[in-house]
Amino acid sequence: MSTEIWKFPLRVGAQTVDLPKHSRLLSVAAQGDDPMLWAVVVPSNAKTKRKIFVAMTGQSCDDELRGPFLGTVLLSDGSFVLHVFDHGDS
């Protein structure tokens, strides 16, 4: 079974990311001014939708929006600090 590392763009708010089942989330960071998520994937696995929530510092963050913390993303221009949470497969 061959694995690869893939990246996925993120945006502020609740969202789903299409990635192969059983992917392992590695990290979140800024690439230029874009928040990204990196994961180890098995490309041949069927796709699933992974629920992710991205909150800006100071943004309301209700309990149902938070899940396990993945990391903080500092955008290069310093204008935004984002906090990323994983909700698992939908």
Protein backbone atom coordinates (compact mmCIF):
# COMPACT_ATOMS: atom_id res chain seq x y z
CA MET A 1 0.00 0.00 0.00
CA SER A 2 1.61 3.21 -1.21
CA THR A 3 1.20 6.42 0.80
CA GLU A 4 1.67 10.04 -0.19
CA ILE A 5 1.55 13.40 1.56
CA TRP A 6 -1.14 15.68 0.18
CA LYS A 7 -2.07 19.27 1.05
CA PHE A 8 -5.53 20.78 1.28
CA PRO A 9 -6.46 24.47 1.34
CA LEU A 10 -8.48 25.74 4.31
CA ARG A 11 -10.74 28.73 4.89
CA VAL A 12 -12.22 30.30 8.00
CA GLY A 13 -15.32 28.53 9.32
CA ALA A 14 -16.82 25.05 9.21
CA GLN A 15 -15.96 23.04 6.11
CA THR A 16 -15.43 19.56 4.75
CA VAL A 17 -12.22 18.37 3.11
CA ASP A 18 -12.38 15.48 0.62
CA LEU A 19 -9.56 13.07 1.34
CA PRO A 20 -9.01 9.31 1.19
CA LYS A 21 -10.38 7.24 4.11
CA HIS A 22 -7.97 6.53 6.97
CA SER A 23 -5.84 9.59 6.20
CA ARG A 24 -3.57 10.78 9.01
CA LEU A 25 -3.59 14.54 9.54
CA LEU A 26 -0.05 15.82 9.99
CA SER A 27 -0.03 19.58 10.40
CA VAL A 28 -1.49 22.94 9.50
CA ALA A 29 0.52 25.99 8.41
CA ALA A 30 0.47 28.97 6.10
CA GLN A 31 1.84 28.62 2.59
CA GLY A 32 2.22 32.23 1.55
CA ASP A 33 -1.06 33.78 2.67
CA ASP A 34 -3.09 30.58 2.41
CA PRO A 35 -3.85 28.26 5.35
CA MET A 36 -3.17 24.62 4.45
CA LEU A 37 -3.62 21.16 5.96
CA TRP A 38 -1.16 18.32 5.23
CA ALA A 39 -2.08 14.64 5.56
CA VAL A 40 -0.60 11.21 4.84
CA VAL A 41 -3.02 9.47 2.50
CA VAL A 42 -3.43 6.18 0.68
CA PRO A 43 -4.46 7.53 -2.75
CA SER A 44 -6.29 4.32 -3.70
CA ASN A 45 -8.64 4.48 -0.68
CA ALA A 46 -12.22 5.62 -1.24
CA LYS A 47 -12.77 9.31 -0.51
CA THR A 48 -14.49 10.60 2.61
CA LYS A 49 -15.45 14.05 3.81
CA ARG A 50 -13.47 15.17 6.87
CA LYS A 51 -15.07 17.93 8.94
CA ILE A 52 -12.68 20.76 9.84
CA PHE A 53 -13.35 24.01 11.70
CA VAL A 54 -11.06 27.06 11.39
CA ALA A 55 -11.54 29.92 13.87
CA MET A 56 -9.88 33.33 13.89
CA THR A 57 -8.54 34.66 17.19
CA GLY A 58 -11.39 36.51 18.89
CA GLN A 59 -14.09 34.70 16.88
CA SER A 60 -17.01 33.06 18.66
CA CYS A 61 -16.26 29.33 18.92
CA ASP A 62 -19.25 27.33 20.19
CA ASP A 63 -18.71 23.87 21.68
CA GLU A 64 -20.29 22.10 18.69
CA LEU A 65 -17.75 23.76 16.37
CA ARG A 66 -14.67 22.71 18.31
CA GLY A 67 -13.06 19.29 18.15
CA PRO A 68 -9.51 17.99 18.68
CA PHE A 69 -7.03 20.83 18.10
CA LEU A 70 -4.76 20.46 15.03
CA GLY A 71 -2.73 23.64 15.30
CA THR A 72 -2.44 27.40 14.88
CA VAL A 73 -1.71 29.08 11.55
CA LEU A 74 0.02 32.48 11.44
CA LEU A 75 -0.50 34.17 8.09
CA SER A 76 2.66 35.79 6.70
CA ASP A 77 1.40 39.36 6.78
CA GLY A 78 0.51 39.01 10.48
CA SER A 79 -3.10 40.06 9.89
CA PHE A 80 -4.71 36.78 10.96
CA VAL A 81 -4.07 34.01 13.46
CA LEU A 82 -6.19 30.93 12.75
CA HIS A 83 -6.90 27.91 14.98
CA VAL A 84 -7.80 24.59 13.32
CA PHE A 85 -9.94 21.81 14.82
CA ASP A 86 -10.74 18.29 13.49
CA HIS A 87 -14.23 16.77 13.69
CA GLY A 88 -13.39 13.50 11.94
CA ASP A 89 -15.17 11.82 9.05
CA SER A 90 -18.71 12.91 8.29
